[in-house]
C-alpha atoms as a PDB file:
ATOM      1  CA  MET A   1      62.027  53.530   5.397  1.00  0.00           C
ATOM      2  CA  LYS A   2      60.912  56.957   5.341  1.00  0.00           C
ATOM      3  CA  LEU A   3      59.403  56.600   8.725  1.00  0.00           C
ATOM      4  CA  LYS A   4      62.694  55.284  10.279  1.00  0.00           C
ATOM      5  CA  LYS A   5      64.719  58.230   8.428  1.00  0.00           C
ATOM      6  CA  MET A   6      62.327  60.997   9.703  1.00  0.00           C
ATOM      7  CA  LEU A   7      62.548  59.372  13.368  1.00  0.00           C
ATOM      8  CA  ALA A   8      66.211  59.050  13.374  1.00  0.00           C
ATOM      9  CA  VAL A   9      66.704  62.783  12.244  1.00  0.00           C
ATOM     10  CA  VAL A  10      64.204  63.925  14.757  1.00  0.00           C
ATOM     11  CA  SER A  11      66.041  61.832  17.239  1.00  0.00           C
ATOM     12  CA  ALA A  12      69.207  63.341  16.340  1.00  0.00           C
ATOM     13  CA  LEU A  13      67.955  66.893  16.406  1.00  0.00           C
ATOM     14  CA  CYS A  14      66.772  66.214  20.150  1.00  0.00           C
ATOM     15  CA  MET A  15      70.262  65.008  21.147  1.00  0.00           C
ATOM     16  CA  MET A  16      71.886  68.026  19.638  1.00  0.00           C
ATOM     17  CA  CYS A  17      69.066  70.480  21.431  1.00  0.00           C
ATOM     18  CA  ALA A  18      70.502  68.627  24.517  1.00  0.00           C
ATOM     19  CA  VAL A  19      73.713  70.255  24.812  1.00  0.00           C
ATOM     20  CA  VAL A  20      71.901  73.825  24.806  1.00  0.00           C
ATOM     21  CA  PRO A  21      71.204  75.010  28.322  1.00  0.00           C
ATOM     22  CA  PHE A  22      67.310  75.528  29.510  1.00  0.00           C
ATOM     23  CA  SER A  23      65.905  78.774  30.725  1.00  0.00           C
ATOM     24  CA  GLU A  24      64.100  77.233  33.726  1.00  0.00           C
ATOM     25  CA  LYS A  25      65.789  74.378  35.766  1.00  0.00           C
ATOM     26  CA  TYR A  26      64.661  70.874  35.365  1.00  0.00           C
ATOM     27  CA  THR A  27      62.326  69.835  37.710  1.00  0.00           C
ATOM     28  CA  PRO A  28      63.102  66.256  38.837  1.00  0.00           C
ATOM     29  CA  GLU A  29      59.518  65.343  39.659  1.00  0.00           C
ATOM     30  CA  THR A  30      59.167  65.221  35.775  1.00  0.00           C
ATOM     31  CA  ALA A  31      61.711  62.684  34.889  1.00  0.00           C
ATOM     32  CA  VAL A  32      60.960  59.411  34.181  1.00  0.00           C
ATOM     33  CA  SER A  33      63.054  56.920  35.876  1.00  0.00           C
ATOM     34  CA  ALA A  34      64.709  54.181  33.986  1.00  0.00           C
ATOM     35  CA  SER A  35      62.806  51.764  36.723  1.00  0.00           C
ATOM     36  CA  ALA A  36      59.614  53.405  36.104  1.00  0.00           C
ATOM     37  CA  GLU A  37      57.828  49.907  35.985  1.00  0.00           C
ATOM     38  CA  GLU A  38      58.604  49.378  39.483  1.00  0.00           C
ATOM     39  CA  ARG A  39      56.668  50.468  42.386  1.00  0.00           C
ATOM     40  CA  TYR A  40      57.932  53.197  44.569  1.00  0.00           C
ATOM     41  CA  THR A  41      57.024  55.708  46.975  1.00  0.00           C
ATOM     42  CA  TYR A  42      58.420  59.303  47.041  1.00  0.00           C
ATOM     43  CA  GLY A  43      60.360  60.624  50.342  1.00  0.00           C
ATOM     44  CA  THR A  44      62.669  63.371  51.522  1.00  0.00           C
ATOM     45  CA  TYR A  45      66.004  63.096  54.018  1.00  0.00           C
ATOM     46  CA  GLU A  46      67.223  66.168  54.775  1.00  0.00           C
ATOM     47  CA  ASN A  47      67.490  68.239  51.467  1.00  0.00           C
ATOM     48  CA  LEU A  48      67.399  65.338  49.348  1.00  0.00           C
ATOM     49  CA  LYS A  49      64.248  64.052  47.523  1.00  0.00           C
ATOM     50  CA  TYR A  50      64.153  60.344  46.728  1.00  0.00           C
ATOM     51  CA  CYS A  51      62.429  57.144  45.139  1.00  0.00           C
ATOM     52  CA  LYS A  52      61.770  54.167  47.624  1.00  0.00           C
ATOM     53  CA  TYR A  53      61.908  50.870  45.763  1.00  0.00           C
ATOM     54  CA  ALA A  54      61.293  47.540  47.453  1.00  0.00           C
ATOM     55  CA  ASP A  55      65.169  46.860  48.334  1.00  0.00           C
ATOM     56  CA  TYR A  56      67.069  50.071  47.103  1.00  0.00           C
ATOM     57  CA  ILE A  57      66.537  54.006  46.964  1.00  0.00           C
ATOM     58  CA  GLN A  58      67.150  56.251  44.101  1.00  0.00           C
ATOM     59  CA  ILE A  59      68.046  59.894  44.739  1.00  0.00           C
ATOM     60  CA  SER A  60      65.576  61.927  42.219  1.00  0.00           C
ATOM     61  CA  GLY A  61      66.184  65.394  43.233  1.00  0.00           C
ATOM     62  CA  TRP A  62      66.396  68.325  46.117  1.00  0.00           C
ATOM     63  CA  VAL A  63      63.802  69.978  48.272  1.00  0.00           C
ATOM     64  CA  LYS A  64      65.694  73.399  48.571  1.00  0.00           C
ATOM     65  CA  GLU A  65      68.170  74.341  45.892  1.00  0.00           C
ATOM     66  CA  PRO A  66      71.780  73.153  47.169  1.00  0.00           C
ATOM     67  CA  GLU A  67      74.917  75.085  46.552  1.00  0.00           C
ATOM     68  CA  GLY A  68      78.425  74.002  47.241  1.00  0.00           C
ATOM     69  CA  GLU A  69      79.405  70.515  48.412  1.00  0.00           C
ATOM     70  CA  LEU A  70      76.817  67.644  47.921  1.00  0.00           C
ATOM     71  CA  ILE A  71      77.028  64.623  49.680  1.00  0.00           C
ATOM     72  CA  ILE A  72      74.979  61.704  48.883  1.00  0.00           C
ATOM     73  CA  PRO A  73      74.122  59.430  51.654  1.00  0.00           C
ATOM     74  CA  ALA A  74      74.843  55.253  51.399  1.00  0.00           C
ATOM     75  CA  GLU A  75      71.612  54.396  53.198  1.00  0.00           C
ATOM     76  CA  ILE A  76      68.035  55.853  53.758  1.00  0.00           C
ATOM     77  CA  GLU A  77      65.552  54.040  55.835  1.00  0.00           C
ATOM     78  CA  GLY A  78      67.686  51.036  56.009  1.00  0.00           C
ATOM     79  CA  LEU A  79      67.644  50.470  52.372  1.00  0.00           C
ATOM     80  CA  PRO A  80      70.979  51.434  50.198  1.00  0.00           C
ATOM     81  CA  VAL A  81      71.396  54.203  47.966  1.00  0.00           C
ATOM     82  CA  THR A  82      72.170  52.654  44.517  1.00  0.00           C
ATOM     83  CA  SER A  83      71.206  55.185  42.112  1.00  0.00           C
ATOM     84  CA  ILE A  84      71.125  58.798  41.151  1.00  0.00           C
ATOM     85  CA  ARG A  85      68.117  59.760  38.805  1.00  0.00           C
ATOM     86  CA  GLU A  86      68.450  61.627  35.476  1.00  0.00           C
ATOM     87  CA  TRP A  87      68.434  65.154  35.372  1.00  0.00           C
ATOM     88  CA  ALA A  88      68.302  65.075  39.179  1.00  0.00           C
ATOM     89  CA  PHE A  89      70.911  67.898  39.999  1.00  0.00           C
ATOM     90  CA  SER A  90      71.112  69.409  36.647  1.00  0.00           C
ATOM     91  CA  GLN A  91      72.138  73.525  36.445  1.00  0.00           C
ATOM     92  CA  LEU A  92      72.979  73.623  40.311  1.00  0.00           C
ATOM     93  CA  SER A  93      75.237  75.877  41.769  1.00  0.00           C
ATOM     94  CA  LEU A  94      77.311  72.645  43.096  1.00  0.00           C
ATOM     95  CA  THR A  95      80.780  72.763  43.684  1.00  0.00           C
ATOM     96  CA  SER A  96      81.879  69.120  44.559  1.00  0.00           C
ATOM     97  CA  VAL A  97      79.778  66.070  44.863  1.00  0.00           C
ATOM     98  CA  ILE A  98      80.738  62.941  47.015  1.00  0.00           C
ATOM     99  CA  ILE A  99      79.099  59.748  46.091  1.00  0.00           C
ATOM    100  CA  PRO A 100      78.924  56.885  48.292  1.00  0.00           C
ATOM    101  CA  ASP A 101      80.259  53.458  47.403  1.00  0.00           C
ATOM    102  CA  SER A 102      76.615  52.205  47.548  1.00  0.00           C
ATOM    103  CA  VAL A 103      75.949  53.778  44.299  1.00  0.00           C
ATOM    104  CA  THR A 104      75.914  51.545  41.016  1.00  0.00           C
ATOM    105  CA  ASN A 105      74.055  53.697  38.619  1.00  0.00           C
ATOM    106  CA  ILE A 106      74.219  57.477  37.608  1.00  0.00           C
ATOM    107  CA  GLU A 107      71.270  58.262  35.144  1.00  0.00           C
ATOM    108  CA  SER A 108      71.844  60.746  32.191  1.00  0.00           C
ATOM    109  CA  PHE A 109      72.124  64.725  32.595  1.00  0.00           C
ATOM    110  CA  ALA A 110      72.234  64.365  36.382  1.00  0.00           C
ATOM    111  CA  PHE A 111      74.796  66.825  36.943  1.00  0.00           C
ATOM    112  CA  PHE A 112      74.527  68.409  33.736  1.00  0.00           C
ATOM    113  CA  TYR A 113      75.524  72.201  33.206  1.00  0.00           C
ATOM    114  CA  CYS A 114      76.572  72.472  36.873  1.00  0.00           C
ATOM    115  CA  SER A 115      78.815  75.405  35.892  1.00  0.00           C
ATOM    116  CA  ALA A 116      80.477  75.577  39.473  1.00  0.00           C
ATOM    117  CA  LEU A 117      81.416  71.787  39.489  1.00  0.00           C
ATOM    118  CA  THR A 118      85.119  71.092  40.027  1.00  0.00           C
ATOM    119  CA  SER A 119      85.440  68.204  42.084  1.00  0.00           C
ATOM    120  CA  VAL A 120      83.525  64.781  41.713  1.00  0.00           C
ATOM    121  CA  SER A 121      84.078  61.558  43.809  1.00  0.00           C
ATOM    122  CA  ILE A 122      83.164  58.601  41.900  1.00  0.00           C
ATOM    123  CA  PRO A 123      83.489  55.323  43.710  1.00  0.00           C
ATOM    124  CA  ASP A 124      84.519  51.881  42.085  1.00  0.00           C
ATOM    125  CA  SER A 125      81.323  50.602  42.916  1.00  0.00           C
ATOM    126  CA  VAL A 126      79.619  52.769  39.675  1.00  0.00           C
ATOM    127  CA  THR A 127      79.201  50.168  36.683  1.00  0.00           C
ATOM    128  CA  SER A 128      76.642  52.402  34.803  1.00  0.00           C
ATOM    129  CA  ILE A 129      76.852  56.229  33.974  1.00  0.00           C
ATOM    130  CA  GLY A 130      74.514  57.994  31.384  1.00  0.00           C
ATOM    131  CA  GLN A 131      74.702  60.509  28.913  1.00  0.00           C
ATOM    132  CA  ASP A 132      76.300  63.599  29.608  1.00  0.00           C
ATOM    133  CA  VAL A 133      76.254  63.322  33.404  1.00  0.00           C
ATOM    134  CA  PHE A 134      78.814  66.035  33.860  1.00  0.00           C
ATOM    135  CA  GLY A 135      78.187  67.397  30.540  1.00  0.00           C
ATOM    136  CA  HIS A 136      79.319  71.130  30.560  1.00  0.00           C
ATOM    137  CA  THR A 137      81.181  71.430  33.939  1.00  0.00           C
ATOM    138  CA  PRO A 138      84.649  72.403  34.932  1.00  0.00           C
ATOM    139  CA  TRP A 139      85.272  69.026  36.018  1.00  0.00           C
ATOM    140  CA  LEU A 140      84.890  67.580  32.696  1.00  0.00           C
ATOM    141  CA  LYS A 141      86.554  70.062  30.981  1.00  0.00           C
ATOM    142  CA  ALA A 142      89.358  69.709  33.323  1.00  0.00           C
ATOM    143  CA  LYS A 143      89.491  65.826  32.690  1.00  0.00           C
ATOM    144  CA  GLN A 144      89.611  66.510  29.018  1.00  0.00           C
ATOM    145  CA  ALA A 145      92.573  68.457  29.628  1.00  0.00           C
ATOM    146  CA  GLU A 146      94.556  65.843  31.157  1.00  0.00           C
ATOM    147  CA  ASN A 147      93.588  63.259  28.888  1.00  0.00           C
ATOM    148  CA  SER A 148      91.109  63.654  25.433  1.00  0.00           C
ATOM    149  CA  LEU A 149      89.513  60.103  26.617  1.00  0.00           C
ATOM    150  CA  VAL A 150      87.640  60.606  29.908  1.00  0.00           C
ATOM    151  CA  ILE A 151      87.557  57.158  31.297  1.00  0.00           C
ATOM    152  CA  VAL A 152      86.025  56.639  34.829  1.00  0.00           C
ATOM    153  CA  ASN A 153      85.552  52.559  36.026  1.00  0.00           C
ATOM    154  CA  ASP A 154      86.008  51.238  32.579  1.00  0.00           C
ATOM    155  CA  ILE A 155      83.214  53.237  31.352  1.00  0.00           C
ATOM    156  CA  LEU A 156      84.474  55.779  28.371  1.00  0.00           C
ATOM    157  CA  LEU A 157      82.571  59.011  29.054  1.00  0.00           C
ATOM    158  CA  ASP A 158      84.078  61.730  26.459  1.00  0.00           C
ATOM    159  CA  GLY A 159      86.285  61.624  23.629  1.00  0.00           C
ATOM    160  CA  SER A 160      84.699  64.676  22.051  1.00  0.00           C
ATOM    161  CA  THR A 161      88.025  66.538  22.124  1.00  0.00           C
ATOM    162  CA  CYS A 162      90.064  63.792  20.204  1.00  0.00           C
ATOM    163  CA  GLU A 163      92.180  64.428  17.011  1.00  0.00           C
ATOM    164  CA  GLY A 164      93.218  62.002  14.243  1.00  0.00           C
ATOM    165  CA  GLU A 165      93.857  58.301  14.813  1.00  0.00           C
ATOM    166  CA  VAL A 166      92.718  57.097  18.035  1.00  0.00           C
ATOM    167  CA  THR A 167      93.048  53.845  19.769  1.00  0.00           C
ATOM    168  CA  ILE A 168      90.477  53.507  22.727  1.00  0.00           C
ATOM    169  CA  PRO A 169      92.776  51.566  25.747  1.00  0.00           C
ATOM    170  CA  ASP A 170      92.414  47.959  26.914  1.00  0.00           C
ATOM    171  CA  GLY A 171      90.318  47.716  30.011  1.00  0.00           C
ATOM    172  CA  VAL A 172      87.298  49.960  28.535  1.00  0.00           C
ATOM    173  CA  ARG A 173      84.152  48.055  28.587  1.00  0.00           C
ATOM    174  CA  ILE A 174      81.360  50.628  27.522  1.00  0.00           C
ATOM    175  CA  ILE A 175      81.171  53.491  25.419  1.00  0.00           C
ATOM    176  CA  ILE A 176      78.535  55.539  26.568  1.00  0.00           C
ATOM    177  CA  ASP A 177      75.672  57.625  24.578  1.00  0.00           C
ATOM    178  CA  ASN A 178      77.196  60.687  23.237  1.00  0.00           C
ATOM    179  CA  ALA A 179      80.770  60.044  23.904  1.00  0.00           C
ATOM    180  CA  PHE A 180      82.406  61.363  20.625  1.00  0.00           C
ATOM    181  CA  SER A 181      79.459  63.345  19.359  1.00  0.00           C
ATOM    182  CA  LYS A 182      79.909  65.967  16.594  1.00  0.00           C
ATOM    183  CA  CYS A 183      83.978  65.163  17.098  1.00  0.00           C
ATOM    184  CA  SER A 184      85.086  66.877  13.856  1.00  0.00           C
ATOM    185  CA  GLY A 185      88.896  66.064  14.602  1.00  0.00           C
ATOM    186  CA  LEU A 186      88.289  62.437  14.952  1.00  0.00           C
ATOM    187  CA  THR A 187      89.333  60.304  11.471  1.00  0.00           C
ATOM    188  CA  SER A 188      89.612  57.032  12.435  1.00  0.00           C
ATOM    189  CA  VAL A 189      88.913  54.910  15.679  1.00  0.00           C
ATOM    190  CA  ILE A 190      90.123  51.394  16.469  1.00  0.00           C
ATOM    191  CA  ILE A 191      88.168  49.820  19.360  1.00  0.00           C
ATOM    192  CA  PRO A 192      89.462  46.605  21.253  1.00  0.00           C
ATOM    193  CA  ASP A 193      87.720  43.574  21.640  1.00  0.00           C
ATOM    194  CA  GLY A 194      87.145  44.433  25.752  1.00  0.00           C
ATOM    195  CA  VAL A 195      84.368  46.785  24.404  1.00  0.00           C
ATOM    196  CA  THR A 196      80.865  44.931  25.034  1.00  0.00           C
ATOM    197  CA  SER A 197      78.862  47.976  24.501  1.00  0.00           C
ATOM    198  CA  ILE A 198      78.735  50.853  22.002  1.00  0.00           C
ATOM    199  CA  ALA A 199      75.620  53.377  22.721  1.00  0.00           C
ATOM    200  CA  GLU A 200      73.436  55.431  20.807  1.00  0.00           C
ATOM    201  CA  PHE A 201      75.005  58.319  19.124  1.00  0.00           C
ATOM    202  CA  ALA A 202      78.581  57.349  20.443  1.00  0.00           C
ATOM    203  CA  PHE A 203      80.003  58.375  17.139  1.00  0.00           C
ATOM    204  CA  PHE A 204      77.066  60.873  15.726  1.00  0.00           C
ATOM    205  CA  ASP A 205      78.133  63.414  13.442  1.00  0.00           C
ATOM    206  CA  CYS A 206      81.923  62.917  13.633  1.00  0.00           C
ATOM    207  CA  SER A 207      82.300  64.973  10.099  1.00  0.00           C
ATOM    208  CA  ASN A 208      85.899  63.660   9.305  1.00  0.00           C
ATOM    209  CA  LEU A 209      85.708  59.787  10.980  1.00  0.00           C
ATOM    210  CA  THR A 210      86.324  57.656   8.034  1.00  0.00           C
ATOM    211  CA  SER A 211      87.199  54.252   9.540  1.00  0.00           C
ATOM    212  CA  VAL A 212      85.858  52.630  12.579  1.00  0.00           C
ATOM    213  CA  THR A 213      87.433  49.211  13.606  1.00  0.00           C
ATOM    214  CA  ILE A 214      85.149  46.991  16.135  1.00  0.00           C
ATOM    215  CA  LYS A 215      87.364  44.005  17.459  1.00  0.00           C
ATOM    216  CA  ASN A 216      84.961  42.508  19.217  1.00  0.00           C
ATOM    217  CA  SER A 217      82.744  40.233  17.203  1.00  0.00           C
ATOM    218  CA  GLU A 218      79.789  40.225  19.782  1.00  0.00           C
ATOM    219  CA  CYS A 219      79.945  43.781  20.687  1.00  0.00           C
ATOM    220  CA  ASP A 220      76.242  45.352  21.195  1.00  0.00           C
ATOM    221  CA  ILE A 221      76.141  48.249  18.846  1.00  0.00           C
ATOM    222  CA  TYR A 222      72.762  50.280  19.290  1.00  0.00           C
ATOM    223  CA  ASP A 223      71.297  49.481  16.037  1.00  0.00           C
ATOM    224  CA  GLU A 224      70.897  52.965  14.450  1.00  0.00           C
ATOM    225  CA  ASN A 225      72.598  55.006  11.832  1.00  0.00           C
ATOM    226  CA  ALA A 226      73.056  57.837  14.506  1.00  0.00           C
ATOM    227  CA  THR A 227      75.377  55.266  16.638  1.00  0.00           C
ATOM    228  CA  ILE A 228      78.131  55.895  13.668  1.00  0.00           C
ATOM    229  CA  SER A 229      77.538  58.721  10.935  1.00  0.00           C
ATOM    230  CA  ASN A 230      79.673  61.449   9.686  1.00  0.00           C
ATOM    231  CA  GLY A 231      76.960  63.466   8.229  1.00  0.00           C
ATOM    232  CA  VAL A 232      72.999  64.197   8.415  1.00  0.00           C
ATOM    233  CA  SER A 233      70.644  65.533   6.499  1.00  0.00           C
ATOM    234  CA  TRP A 234      67.030  66.237   7.074  1.00  0.00           C
ATOM    235  CA  GLU A 235      65.728  64.148   4.093  1.00  0.00           C
ATOM    236  CA  ASP A 236      67.676  61.263   4.532  1.00  0.00           C
ATOM    237  CA  GLY A 237      68.792  61.093   8.456  1.00  0.00           C
ATOM    238  CA  ASN A 238      72.128  60.192   9.157  1.00  0.00           C
ATOM    239  CA  TYR A 239      74.787  58.571   7.101  1.00  0.00           C
ATOM    240  CA  PHE A 240      78.697  57.304   7.081  1.00  0.00           C
ATOM    241  CA  ASN A 241      80.929  57.440   4.225  1.00  0.00           C
ATOM    242  CA  GLY A 242      83.392  55.721   5.683  1.00  0.00           C
ATOM    243  CA  ILE A 243      84.257  51.712   6.029  1.00  0.00           C
ATOM    244  CA  ILE A 244      83.692  50.144   9.319  1.00  0.00           C
ATOM    245  CA  TYR A 245      86.037  47.045   9.882  1.00  0.00           C
ATOM    246  CA  GLY A 246      85.229  43.679  11.794  1.00  0.00           C
ATOM    247  CA  TYR A 247      85.189  39.956  11.354  1.00  0.00           C
ATOM    248  CA  GLU A 248      83.160  37.884   9.367  1.00  0.00           C
ATOM    249  CA  ASN A 249      79.373  37.102  10.891  1.00  0.00           C
ATOM    250  CA  SER A 250      80.209  39.969  13.677  1.00  0.00           C
ATOM    251  CA  THR A 251      78.105  42.322  15.083  1.00  0.00           C
ATOM    252  CA  ALA A 252      79.925  45.032  13.234  1.00  0.00           C
ATOM    253  CA  GLN A 253      78.859  43.546   9.726  1.00  0.00           C
ATOM    254  CA  ALA A 254      75.647  43.043  11.138  1.00  0.00           C
ATOM    255  CA  TYR A 255      75.525  46.819  11.999  1.00  0.00           C
ATOM    256  CA  ALA A 256      77.168  47.988   8.637  1.00  0.00           C
ATOM    257  CA  GLU A 257      74.675  45.871   6.644  1.00  0.00           C
ATOM    258  CA  SER A 258      71.896  47.056   8.747  1.00  0.00           C
ATOM    259  CA  CYS A 259      72.965  50.894   7.926  1.00  0.00           C
ATOM    260  CA  GLY A 260      73.708  50.518   4.340  1.00  0.00           C
ATOM    261  CA  TYR A 261      77.571  51.150   5.417  1.00  0.00           C
ATOM    262  CA  LYS A 262      80.275  50.049   3.829  1.00  0.00           C
ATOM    263  CA  PHE A 263      82.245  46.807   5.700  1.00  0.00           C
ATOM    264  CA  ALA A 264      85.233  45.221   5.456  1.00  0.00           C
ATOM    265  CA  LEU A 265      87.099  42.604   7.051  1.00  0.00           C
ATOM    266  CA  ILE A 266      89.977  43.425   9.632  1.00  0.00           C
ATOM    267  CA  GLY A 267      93.103  43.110   7.965  1.00  0.00           C
ATOM    268  CA  SER A 268      91.760  43.436   4.455  1.00  0.00           C
ATOM    269  CA  GLU A 269      91.263  46.001   1.923  1.00  0.00           C
ATOM    270  CA  PRO A 270      87.711  46.968   1.192  1.00  0.00           C
ATOM    271  CA  GLU A 271      86.389  45.319  -2.029  1.00  0.00           C
ATOM    272  CA  ASP A 272      86.207  47.352  -5.085  1.00  0.00           C
ATOM    273  CA  LEU A 273      83.070  48.935  -5.983  1.00  0.00           C
ATOM    274  CA  LEU A 274      81.377  48.984  -9.457  1.00  0.00           C
ATOM    275  CA  PRO A 275      79.213  52.130  -9.573  1.00  0.00           C
ATOM    276  CA  GLY A 276      76.166  51.335 -11.411  1.00  0.00           C
ATOM    277  CA  ASP A 277      76.174  47.655 -10.495  1.00  0.00           C
ATOM    278  CA  VAL A 278      73.130  47.481  -8.659  1.00  0.00           C
ATOM    279  CA  ASP A 279      72.303  43.644  -8.674  1.00  0.00           C
ATOM    280  CA  GLY A 280      75.540  42.671  -7.970  1.00  0.00           C
ATOM    281  CA  ASN A 281      76.100  40.486 -11.058  1.00  0.00           C
ATOM    282  CA  GLY A 282      79.922  42.373 -11.946  1.00  0.00           C
ATOM    283  CA  LYS A 283      78.634  44.475 -14.917  1.00  0.00           C
ATOM    284  CA  ILE A 284      76.272  47.347 -15.819  1.00  0.00           C
ATOM    285  CA  ASP A 285      73.362  46.623 -17.730  1.00  0.00           C
ATOM    286  CA  ILE A 286      69.502  47.371 -17.806  1.00  0.00           C
ATOM    287  CA  ARG A 287      68.853  45.103 -15.105  1.00  0.00           C
ATOM    288  CA  ASP A 288      70.757  47.380 -12.985  1.00  0.00           C
ATOM    289  CA  VAL A 289      68.136  50.135 -14.092  1.00  0.00           C
ATOM    290  CA  ILE A 290      65.378  48.153 -13.206  1.00  0.00           C
ATOM    291  CA  THR A 291      66.554  47.149  -9.835  1.00  0.00           C
ATOM    292  CA  ILE A 292      67.500  50.632  -9.081  1.00  0.00           C
ATOM    293  CA  ASN A 293      63.865  51.841 -10.204  1.00  0.00           C
ATOM    294  CA  LYS A 294      61.937  49.278  -8.209  1.00  0.00           C
ATOM    295  CA  ALA A 295      64.010  50.496  -4.892  1.00  0.00           C
ATOM    296  CA  ILE A 296      62.860  54.042  -5.447  1.00  0.00           C
ATOM    297  CA  LEU A 297      59.224  52.759  -5.830  1.00  0.00           C
ATOM    298  CA  GLY A 298      59.669  51.298  -2.640  1.00  0.00           C
ATOM    299  CA  LYS A 299      59.162  47.678  -4.423  1.00  0.00           C
ATOM    300  CA  GLU A 300      62.689  46.474  -3.576  1.00  0.00           C
ATOM    301  CA  LYS A 301      65.010  46.970  -0.779  1.00  0.00           C
ATOM    302  CA  LEU A 302      68.539  47.058  -1.491  1.00  0.00           C
ATOM    303  CA  THR A 303      71.443  46.082   0.547  1.00  0.00           C
ATOM    304  CA  GLY A 304      74.636  47.555   1.522  1.00  0.00           C
ATOM    305  CA  SER A 305      76.693  46.984  -1.340  1.00  0.00           C
ATOM    306  CA  GLN A 306      73.787  47.553  -3.609  1.00  0.00           C
ATOM    307  CA  LEU A 307      72.881  51.015  -2.135  1.00  0.00           C
ATOM    308  CA  ARG A 308      76.497  52.343  -2.506  1.00  0.00           C
ATOM    309  CA  ASN A 309      76.673  50.980  -6.141  1.00  0.00           C
ATOM    310  CA  ALA A 310      73.303  52.537  -6.777  1.00  0.00           C
ATOM    311  CA  ASP A 311      74.606  55.989  -5.453  1.00  0.00           C
ATOM    312  CA  VAL A 312      76.565  56.874  -8.314  1.00  0.00           C
ATOM    313  CA  ASP A 313      76.250  60.615  -8.216  1.00  0.00           C
ATOM    314  CA  GLY A 314      77.317  60.627  -4.384  1.00  0.00           C
ATOM    315  CA  ASP A 315      74.405  62.099  -2.632  1.00  0.00           C
ATOM    316  CA  ASN A 316      73.981  59.012  -0.319  1.00  0.00           C
ATOM    317  CA  LYS A 317      70.695  57.614  -1.737  1.00  0.00           C
ATOM    318  CA  PRO A 318      69.315  55.920  -4.749  1.00  0.00           C
ATOM    319  CA  THR A 319      67.369  58.420  -6.752  1.00  0.00           C
ATOM    320  CA  ALA A 320      65.842  58.714 -10.465  1.00  0.00           C
ATOM    321  CA  ALA A 321      68.850  60.908 -11.112  1.00  0.00           C
ATOM    322  CA  ASP A 322      71.194  57.697 -10.375  1.00  0.00           C
ATOM    323  CA  SER A 323      69.058  55.486 -12.470  1.00  0.00           C
ATOM    324  CA  LEU A 324      69.159  58.091 -15.532  1.00  0.00           C
ATOM    325  CA  MET A 325      73.185  58.015 -15.246  1.00  0.00           C
ATOM    326  CA  ILE A 326      73.286  54.398 -15.191  1.00  0.00           C
ATOM    327  CA  MET A 327      71.248  54.417 -18.346  1.00  0.00           C
ATOM    328  CA  LYS A 328      73.837  56.718 -19.919  1.00  0.00           C
ATOM    329  CA  ALA A 329      76.497  54.557 -18.974  1.00  0.00           C
ATOM    330  CA  ILE A 330      74.899  51.501 -20.390  1.00  0.00           C
ATOM    331  CA  VAL A 331      74.800  53.496 -24.002  1.00  0.00           C
ATOM    332  CA  GLY A 332      78.294  54.912 -23.616  1.00  0.00           C
ATOM    333  CA  LEU A 333      77.602  58.657 -22.797  1.00  0.00           C
ATOM    334  CA  VAL A 334      79.188  58.534 -19.019  1.00  0.00           C
ATOM    335  CA  ASP A 335      81.870  56.388 -17.298  1.00  0.00           C
ATOM    336  CA  LEU A 336      80.784  55.841 -14.069  1.00  0.00           C
ATOM    337  CA  SER A 337      84.629  54.471 -12.855  1.00  0.00           C
ATOM    338  CA  LYS A 338      85.368  58.185 -12.988  1.00  0.00           C
END
């Protein structure tokens, strides 16, 4: 568990660092393709570098640093251009990009920090878009000004400027990595049943988020605490002090229980907690002290509701301080219900 938390924190810190511009431009050849296990050869076409696979072409970068308008070709060597590789054109002085309808996939950070990019033509053929593809571009800022939910081809790219209660519109299929990351204005979100995937870091460190409703019982939710969180600490990683609403036996329920988050059925009020009742028998007694001490020593794993009842001091983890507070409650020295 400690290792998982440490890895989660490191991963979160790496994600936060991704929004900082690099002092040197990224070299496309060093990127690892999502399809790296496939065989391919490198080639060049006009000013573009590409990877040639058995039945498609992936644009991987450039020969001479391009400026102004970038036109991606639909075909190279008789094969369709279907993908733009991660980081391929990041931090360039591009002003416009035209993507052909042969392309189906744009990988993460492909046009990240293109500080002059104002025009992007994305065809309906694109069904997969990675994290921060257009992060820190004038194009994205203009889209945010039009609507705080930036949606392209049923893919929710960005909601980081949202405020208050947000309902994701019908028709959205995917919420990508980092879409609402660190959105401090977001307080609650309702995700409709048409959403089939919620990617890693989608609602990472949304400090005022207290309620997430997921209506699709089979929605694919990336199984890490960082996917939905309203805080992060070095010692304990990502945490969420709000409530996840979903249906019984849904992936939302499974996700909440896996992360130790509070869960309630849609349309119901969450069950009342009984602070100190670690073993869940409806009362506070010495068995709760034994259970929490076993958990502290790593001899027993607490479930979501047990974790919440064990955390009587509100620091998001079961500790010796919680055990001592429960013992004091047993002998009447403190009232944990207050």
